[in-house]
Amino acid sequence: MTPVEVGRLDLPKEFAMHEWLDDRPHPLDEADVVIAGSCGPGFARRMAARGIIAVATSETDPIRAVSDYLAGLTR
């Protein structure tokens, strides 16, 4: 199965996880996995606390990044 992009989530600066220091609902709470160009340990911990897997990738094509993740090429 090939992933299909259905939309993008562009959040304002105040929604950055390092600014979001409480347990209020966040738009990322709807995700199971976040694939990002960079992912530090603090971000990964915050995501894990919300039940979300955080993955860093150097892949710039979102479809390929998701395909790589599903194939177990990034973790």
PDB file of N, CA and C in Angstrom:
ATOM      1  N   MET A   1       0.848  -1.183   0.000  1.00  0.00           N
ATOM      2  CA  MET A   1       0.000   0.000   0.000  1.00  0.00           C
ATOM      3  C   MET A   1       0.892   1.245   0.000  1.00  0.00           C
ATOM      4  N   THR A   2       0.639   2.129  -0.904  1.00  0.00           N
ATOM      5  CA  THR A   2       1.393   3.374  -0.998  1.00  0.00           C
ATOM      6  C   THR A   2       0.678   4.467  -0.215  1.00  0.00           C
ATOM      7  N   PRO A   3       1.391   5.147   0.689  1.00  0.00           N
ATOM      8  CA  PRO A   3       0.761   6.249   1.426  1.00  0.00           C
ATOM      9  C   PRO A   3       0.293   7.348   0.473  1.00  0.00           C
ATOM     10  N   VAL A   4      -0.746   8.052   0.878  1.00  0.00           N
ATOM     11  CA  VAL A   4      -1.289   9.162   0.098  1.00  0.00           C
ATOM     12  C   VAL A   4      -1.366  10.379   1.015  1.00  0.00           C
ATOM     13  N   GLU A   5      -0.818  11.482   0.557  1.00  0.00           N
ATOM     14  CA  GLU A   5      -0.902  12.711   1.351  1.00  0.00           C
ATOM     15  C   GLU A   5      -2.321  13.258   1.277  1.00  0.00           C
ATOM     16  N   VAL A   6      -2.915  13.468   2.442  1.00  0.00           N
ATOM     17  CA  VAL A   6      -4.290  13.974   2.486  1.00  0.00           C
ATOM     18  C   VAL A   6      -4.366  15.403   2.996  1.00  0.00           C
ATOM     19  N   GLY A   7      -3.245  15.912   3.497  1.00  0.00           N
ATOM     20  CA  GLY A   7      -3.227  17.277   3.991  1.00  0.00           C
ATOM     21  C   GLY A   7      -1.953  17.527   4.766  1.00  0.00           C
ATOM     22  N   ARG A   8      -1.776  18.772   5.134  1.00  0.00           N
ATOM     23  CA  ARG A   8      -0.608  19.165   5.926  1.00  0.00           C
ATOM     24  C   ARG A   8      -1.080  19.952   7.138  1.00  0.00           C
ATOM     25  N   LEU A   9      -0.302  19.869   8.185  1.00  0.00           N
ATOM     26  CA  LEU A   9      -0.624  20.567   9.415  1.00  0.00           C
ATOM     27  C   LEU A   9       0.425  21.652   9.633  1.00  0.00           C
ATOM     28  N   ASP A  10       0.045  22.886   9.417  1.00  0.00           N
ATOM     29  CA  ASP A  10       0.924  24.029   9.650  1.00  0.00           C
ATOM     30  C   ASP A  10       0.440  24.739  10.905  1.00  0.00           C
ATOM     31  N   LEU A  11       1.243  24.668  11.936  1.00  0.00           N
ATOM     32  CA  LEU A  11       0.846  25.227  13.229  1.00  0.00           C
ATOM     33  C   LEU A  11       1.553  26.551  13.493  1.00  0.00           C
ATOM     34  N   PRO A  12       0.888  27.476  14.171  1.00  0.00           N
ATOM     35  CA  PRO A  12       1.550  28.726  14.562  1.00  0.00           C
ATOM     36  C   PRO A  12       2.626  28.451  15.616  1.00  0.00           C
ATOM     37  N   LYS A  13       3.533  29.392  15.770  1.00  0.00           N
ATOM     38  CA  LYS A  13       4.670  29.251  16.674  1.00  0.00           C
ATOM     39  C   LYS A  13       4.260  28.858  18.093  1.00  0.00           C
ATOM     40  N   GLU A  14       3.161  29.406  18.578  1.00  0.00           N
ATOM     41  CA  GLU A  14       2.747  29.112  19.953  1.00  0.00           C
ATOM     42  C   GLU A  14       2.312  27.654  20.154  1.00  0.00           C
ATOM     43  N   PHE A  15       2.193  26.900  19.069  1.00  0.00           N
ATOM     44  CA  PHE A  15       1.865  25.482  19.161  1.00  0.00           C
ATOM     45  C   PHE A  15       3.104  24.600  19.131  1.00  0.00           C
ATOM     46  N   ALA A  16       4.300  25.208  19.056  1.00  0.00           N
ATOM     47  CA  ALA A  16       5.539  24.422  19.107  1.00  0.00           C
ATOM     48  C   ALA A  16       5.585  23.673  20.435  1.00  0.00           C
ATOM     49  N   MET A  17       6.054  22.439  20.409  1.00  0.00           N
ATOM     50  CA  MET A  17       6.016  21.614  21.608  1.00  0.00           C
ATOM     51  C   MET A  17       6.862  22.191  22.743  1.00  0.00           C
ATOM     52  N   HIS A  18       7.938  22.908  22.435  1.00  0.00           N
ATOM     53  CA  HIS A  18       8.722  23.494  23.520  1.00  0.00           C
ATOM     54  C   HIS A  18       7.994  24.669  24.173  1.00  0.00           C
ATOM     55  N   GLU A  19       6.956  25.185  23.523  1.00  0.00           N
ATOM     56  CA  GLU A  19       6.115  26.234  24.102  1.00  0.00           C
ATOM     57  C   GLU A  19       4.895  25.638  24.816  1.00  0.00           C
ATOM     58  N   TRP A  20       4.549  24.421  24.485  1.00  0.00           N
ATOM     59  CA  TRP A  20       3.336  23.759  24.983  1.00  0.00           C
ATOM     60  C   TRP A  20       3.692  22.977  26.238  1.00  0.00           C
ATOM     61  N   LEU A  21       3.729  23.642  27.370  1.00  0.00           N
ATOM     62  CA  LEU A  21       4.273  23.046  28.586  1.00  0.00           C
ATOM     63  C   LEU A  21       3.220  22.466  29.519  1.00  0.00           C
ATOM     64  N   ASP A  22       2.017  22.290  29.053  1.00  0.00           N
ATOM     65  CA  ASP A  22       1.007  21.701  29.918  1.00  0.00           C
ATOM     66  C   ASP A  22       0.352  20.515  29.230  1.00  0.00           C
ATOM     67  N   ASP A  23      -0.686  20.002  29.826  1.00  0.00           N
ATOM     68  CA  ASP A  23      -1.318  18.804  29.289  1.00  0.00           C
ATOM     69  C   ASP A  23      -2.627  19.092  28.542  1.00  0.00           C
ATOM     70  N   ARG A  24      -2.791  20.340  28.115  1.00  0.00           N
ATOM     71  CA  ARG A  24      -3.975  20.651  27.307  1.00  0.00           C
ATOM     72  C   ARG A  24      -3.912  19.875  25.995  1.00  0.00           C
ATOM     73  N   PRO A  25      -5.053  19.615  25.362  1.00  0.00           N
ATOM     74  CA  PRO A  25      -5.032  18.944  24.057  1.00  0.00           C
ATOM     75  C   PRO A  25      -4.219  19.746  23.041  1.00  0.00           C
ATOM     76  N   HIS A  26      -3.536  19.041  22.175  1.00  0.00           N
ATOM     77  CA  HIS A  26      -2.704  19.637  21.123  1.00  0.00           C
ATOM     78  C   HIS A  26      -3.104  18.978  19.803  1.00  0.00           C
ATOM     79  N   PRO A  27      -3.039  19.701  18.687  1.00  0.00           N
ATOM     80  CA  PRO A  27      -3.404  19.101  17.398  1.00  0.00           C
ATOM     81  C   PRO A  27      -2.620  17.830  17.066  1.00  0.00           C
ATOM     82  N   LEU A  28      -1.390  17.704  17.532  1.00  0.00           N
ATOM     83  CA  LEU A  28      -0.617  16.492  17.260  1.00  0.00           C
ATOM     84  C   LEU A  28      -1.137  15.276  18.011  1.00  0.00           C
ATOM     85  N   ASP A  29      -1.994  15.489  18.995  1.00  0.00           N
ATOM     86  CA  ASP A  29      -2.548  14.375  19.764  1.00  0.00           C
ATOM     87  C   ASP A  29      -3.331  13.408  18.876  1.00  0.00           C
ATOM     88  N   GLU A  30      -3.731  13.846  17.717  1.00  0.00           N
ATOM     89  CA  GLU A  30      -4.477  12.986  16.787  1.00  0.00           C
ATOM     90  C   GLU A  30      -3.562  12.019  16.038  1.00  0.00           C
ATOM     91  N   ALA A  31      -2.249  12.231  16.116  1.00  0.00           N
ATOM     92  CA  ALA A  31      -1.288  11.417  15.362  1.00  0.00           C
ATOM     93  C   ALA A  31      -0.809  10.226  16.184  1.00  0.00           C
ATOM     94  N   ASP A  32      -0.436   9.170  15.493  1.00  0.00           N
ATOM     95  CA  ASP A  32       0.229   8.032  16.116  1.00  0.00           C
ATOM     96  C   ASP A  32       1.738   8.179  16.005  1.00  0.00           C
ATOM     97  N   VAL A  33       2.170   8.788  14.889  1.00  0.00           N
ATOM     98  CA  VAL A  33       3.597   8.951  14.596  1.00  0.00           C
ATOM     99  C   VAL A  33       3.814  10.348  14.028  1.00  0.00           C
ATOM    100  N   VAL A  34       4.909  10.997  14.447  1.00  0.00           N
ATOM    101  CA  VAL A  34       5.341  12.263  13.864  1.00  0.00           C
ATOM    102  C   VAL A  34       6.702  12.013  13.237  1.00  0.00           C
ATOM    103  N   ILE A  35       6.817  12.286  11.944  1.00  0.00           N
ATOM    104  CA  ILE A  35       8.082  12.140  11.227  1.00  0.00           C
ATOM    105  C   ILE A  35       8.572  13.547  10.923  1.00  0.00           C
ATOM    106  N   ALA A  36       9.774  13.875  11.404  1.00  0.00           N
ATOM    107  CA  ALA A  36      10.285  15.232  11.281  1.00  0.00           C
ATOM    108  C   ALA A  36      11.718  15.234  10.752  1.00  0.00           C
ATOM    109  N   GLY A  37      12.124  16.375  10.226  1.00  0.00           N
ATOM    110  CA  GLY A  37      13.484  16.535   9.735  1.00  0.00           C
ATOM    111  C   GLY A  37      14.505  16.512  10.851  1.00  0.00           C
ATOM    112  N   SER A  38      14.095  16.888  12.033  1.00  0.00           N
ATOM    113  CA  SER A  38      14.959  16.780  13.208  1.00  0.00           C
ATOM    114  C   SER A  38      14.078  16.499  14.415  1.00  0.00           C
ATOM    115  N   CYS A  39      14.662  15.818  15.372  1.00  0.00           N
ATOM    116  CA  CYS A  39      13.886  15.404  16.537  1.00  0.00           C
ATOM    117  C   CYS A  39      14.840  15.219  17.698  1.00  0.00           C
ATOM    118  N   GLY A  40      14.856  16.176  18.603  1.00  0.00           N
ATOM    119  CA  GLY A  40      15.720  16.074  19.767  1.00  0.00           C
ATOM    120  C   GLY A  40      15.104  15.210  20.849  1.00  0.00           C
ATOM    121  N   PRO A  41      15.880  14.870  21.857  1.00  0.00           N
ATOM    122  CA  PRO A  41      15.369  14.009  22.928  1.00  0.00           C
ATOM    123  C   PRO A  41      14.210  14.622  23.710  1.00  0.00           C
ATOM    124  N   GLY A  42      14.204  15.946  23.886  1.00  0.00           N
ATOM    125  CA  GLY A  42      13.095  16.590  24.596  1.00  0.00           C
ATOM    126  C   GLY A  42      11.789  16.449  23.839  1.00  0.00           C
ATOM    127  N   PHE A  43      11.841  16.677  22.530  1.00  0.00           N
ATOM    128  CA  PHE A  43      10.655  16.518  21.692  1.00  0.00           C
ATOM    129  C   PHE A  43      10.173  15.073  21.725  1.00  0.00           C
ATOM    130  N   ALA A  44      11.114  14.147  21.599  1.00  0.00           N
ATOM    131  CA  ALA A  44      10.748  12.723  21.606  1.00  0.00           C
ATOM    132  C   ALA A  44      10.086  12.345  22.931  1.00  0.00           C
ATOM    133  N   ARG A  45      10.597  12.868  24.052  1.00  0.00           N
ATOM    134  CA  ARG A  45       9.984  12.587  25.360  1.00  0.00           C
ATOM    135  C   ARG A  45       8.581  13.168  25.450  1.00  0.00           C
ATOM    136  N   ARG A  46       8.412  14.400  24.979  1.00  0.00           N
ATOM    137  CA  ARG A  46       7.077  15.023  25.026  1.00  0.00           C
ATOM    138  C   ARG A  46       6.082  14.242  24.164  1.00  0.00           C
ATOM    139  N   MET A  47       6.532  13.799  23.003  1.00  0.00           N
ATOM    140  CA  MET A  47       5.651  13.012  22.140  1.00  0.00           C
ATOM    141  C   MET A  47       5.315  11.674  22.805  1.00  0.00           C
ATOM    142  N   ALA A  48       6.325  10.995  23.350  1.00  0.00           N
ATOM    143  CA  ALA A  48       6.087   9.708  24.007  1.00  0.00           C
ATOM    144  C   ALA A  48       5.112   9.859  25.167  1.00  0.00           C
ATOM    145  N   ALA A  49       5.203  10.959  25.905  1.00  0.00           N
ATOM    146  CA  ALA A  49       4.277  11.197  27.016  1.00  0.00           C
ATOM    147  C   ALA A  49       2.845  11.329  26.522  1.00  0.00           C
ATOM    148  N   ARG A  50       2.682  11.705  25.265  1.00  0.00           N
ATOM    149  CA  ARG A  50       1.351  11.839  24.663  1.00  0.00           C
ATOM    150  C   ARG A  50       0.964  10.580  23.879  1.00  0.00           C
ATOM    151  N   GLY A  51       1.815   9.551  23.913  1.00  0.00           N
ATOM    152  CA  GLY A  51       1.525   8.302  23.208  1.00  0.00           C
ATOM    153  C   GLY A  51       1.836   8.364  21.729  1.00  0.00           C
ATOM    154  N   ILE A  52       2.728   9.267  21.336  1.00  0.00           N
ATOM    155  CA  ILE A  52       3.067   9.474  19.931  1.00  0.00           C
ATOM    156  C   ILE A  52       4.521   9.087  19.706  1.00  0.00           C
ATOM    157  N   ILE A  53       4.780   8.347  18.648  1.00  0.00           N
ATOM    158  CA  ILE A  53       6.145   7.983  18.269  1.00  0.00           C
ATOM    159  C   ILE A  53       6.737   9.129  17.462  1.00  0.00           C
ATOM    160  N   ALA A  54       7.939   9.573  17.833  1.00  0.00           N
ATOM    161  CA  ALA A  54       8.643  10.628  17.100  1.00  0.00           C
ATOM    162  C   ALA A  54       9.826  10.007  16.368  1.00  0.00           C
ATOM    163  N   VAL A  55       9.905  10.307  15.063  1.00  0.00           N
ATOM    164  CA  VAL A  55      10.948   9.748  14.214  1.00  0.00           C
ATOM    165  C   VAL A  55      11.614  10.883  13.450  1.00  0.00           C
ATOM    166  N   ALA A  56      12.944  10.861  13.403  1.00  0.00           N
ATOM    167  CA  ALA A  56      13.690  11.836  12.603  1.00  0.00           C
ATOM    168  C   ALA A  56      14.086  11.187  11.283  1.00  0.00           C
ATOM    169  N   THR A  57      14.058  11.972  10.227  1.00  0.00           N
ATOM    170  CA  THR A  57      14.463  11.480   8.918  1.00  0.00           C
ATOM    171  C   THR A  57      15.143  12.595   8.142  1.00  0.00           C
ATOM    172  N   SER A  58      16.030  12.214   7.257  1.00  0.00           N
ATOM    173  CA  SER A  58      16.631  13.192   6.350  1.00  0.00           C
ATOM    174  C   SER A  58      15.875  13.226   5.025  1.00  0.00           C
ATOM    175  N   GLU A  59      14.891  12.350   4.885  1.00  0.00           N
ATOM    176  CA  GLU A  59      14.085  12.295   3.660  1.00  0.00           C
ATOM    177  C   GLU A  59      13.222  13.556   3.561  1.00  0.00           C
ATOM    178  N   THR A  60      13.251  14.203   2.415  1.00  0.00           N
ATOM    179  CA  THR A  60      12.475  15.432   2.233  1.00  0.00           C
ATOM    180  C   THR A  60      11.130  15.201   1.563  1.00  0.00           C
ATOM    181  N   ASP A  61      10.935  14.047   0.975  1.00  0.00           N
ATOM    182  CA  ASP A  61       9.654  13.715   0.336  1.00  0.00           C
ATOM    183  C   ASP A  61       8.759  13.047   1.382  1.00  0.00           C
ATOM    184  N   PRO A  62       7.643  13.688   1.763  1.00  0.00           N
ATOM    185  CA  PRO A  62       6.785  13.130   2.817  1.00  0.00           C
ATOM    186  C   PRO A  62       6.292  11.713   2.522  1.00  0.00           C
ATOM    187  N   ILE A  63       5.928  11.433   1.285  1.00  0.00           N
ATOM    188  CA  ILE A  63       5.430  10.095   0.940  1.00  0.00           C
ATOM    189  C   ILE A  63       6.534   9.060   1.131  1.00  0.00           C
ATOM    190  N   ARG A  64       7.730   9.375   0.677  1.00  0.00           N
ATOM    191  CA  ARG A  64       8.855   8.451   0.846  1.00  0.00           C
ATOM    192  C   ARG A  64       9.200   8.290   2.334  1.00  0.00           C
ATOM    193  N   ALA A  65       9.132   9.374   3.114  1.00  0.00           N
ATOM    194  CA  ALA A  65       9.424   9.291   4.550  1.00  0.00           C
ATOM    195  C   ALA A  65       8.442   8.346   5.242  1.00  0.00           C
ATOM    196  N   VAL A  66       7.174   8.440   4.907  1.00  0.00           N
ATOM    197  CA  VAL A  66       6.169   7.543   5.489  1.00  0.00           C
ATOM    198  C   VAL A  66       6.392   6.120   5.004  1.00  0.00           C
ATOM    199  N   SER A  67       6.671   5.949   3.722  1.00  0.00           N
ATOM    200  CA  SER A  67       6.951   4.612   3.180  1.00  0.00           C
ATOM    201  C   SER A  67       8.143   3.983   3.890  1.00  0.00           C
ATOM    202  N   ASP A  68       9.210   4.768   4.086  1.00  0.00           N
ATOM    203  CA  ASP A  68      10.393   4.265   4.789  1.00  0.00           C
ATOM    204  C   ASP A  68      10.051   3.851   6.212  1.00  0.00           C
ATOM    205  N   TYR A  69       9.260   4.664   6.883  1.00  0.00           N
ATOM    206  CA  TYR A  69       8.857   4.321   8.255  1.00  0.00           C
ATOM    207  C   TYR A  69       8.050   3.022   8.271  1.00  0.00           C
ATOM    208  N   LEU A  70       7.092   2.905   7.393  1.00  0.00           N
ATOM    209  CA  LEU A  70       6.264   1.694   7.355  1.00  0.00           C
ATOM    210  C   LEU A  70       7.057   0.463   6.992  1.00  0.00           C
ATOM    211  N   ALA A  71       8.144   0.641   6.221  1.00  0.00           N
ATOM    212  CA  ALA A  71       9.003  -0.474   5.843  1.00  0.00           C
ATOM    213  C   ALA A  71      10.036  -0.796   6.918  1.00  0.00           C
ATOM    214  N   GLY A  72      10.024  -0.019   8.019  1.00  0.00           N
ATOM    215  CA  GLY A  72      10.958  -0.264   9.113  1.00  0.00           C
ATOM    216  C   GLY A  72      12.336   0.308   8.875  1.00  0.00           C
ATOM    217  N   LEU A  73      12.458   1.225   7.914  1.00  0.00           N
ATOM    218  CA  LEU A  73      13.761   1.800   7.591  1.00  0.00           C
ATOM    219  C   LEU A  73      14.147   2.955   8.499  1.00  0.00           C
ATOM    220  N   THR A  74      13.190   3.503   9.229  1.00  0.00           N
ATOM    221  CA  THR A  74      13.475   4.553  10.216  1.00  0.00           C
ATOM    222  C   THR A  74      12.732   4.218  11.493  1.00  0.00           C
ATOM    223  N   ARG A  75      13.338   4.471  12.601  1.00  0.00           N
ATOM    224  CA  ARG A  75      12.685   4.234  13.905  1.00  0.00           C
ATOM    225  C   ARG A  75      13.221   5.203  14.903  1.00  0.00           C
TER     226      ARG A  75
END
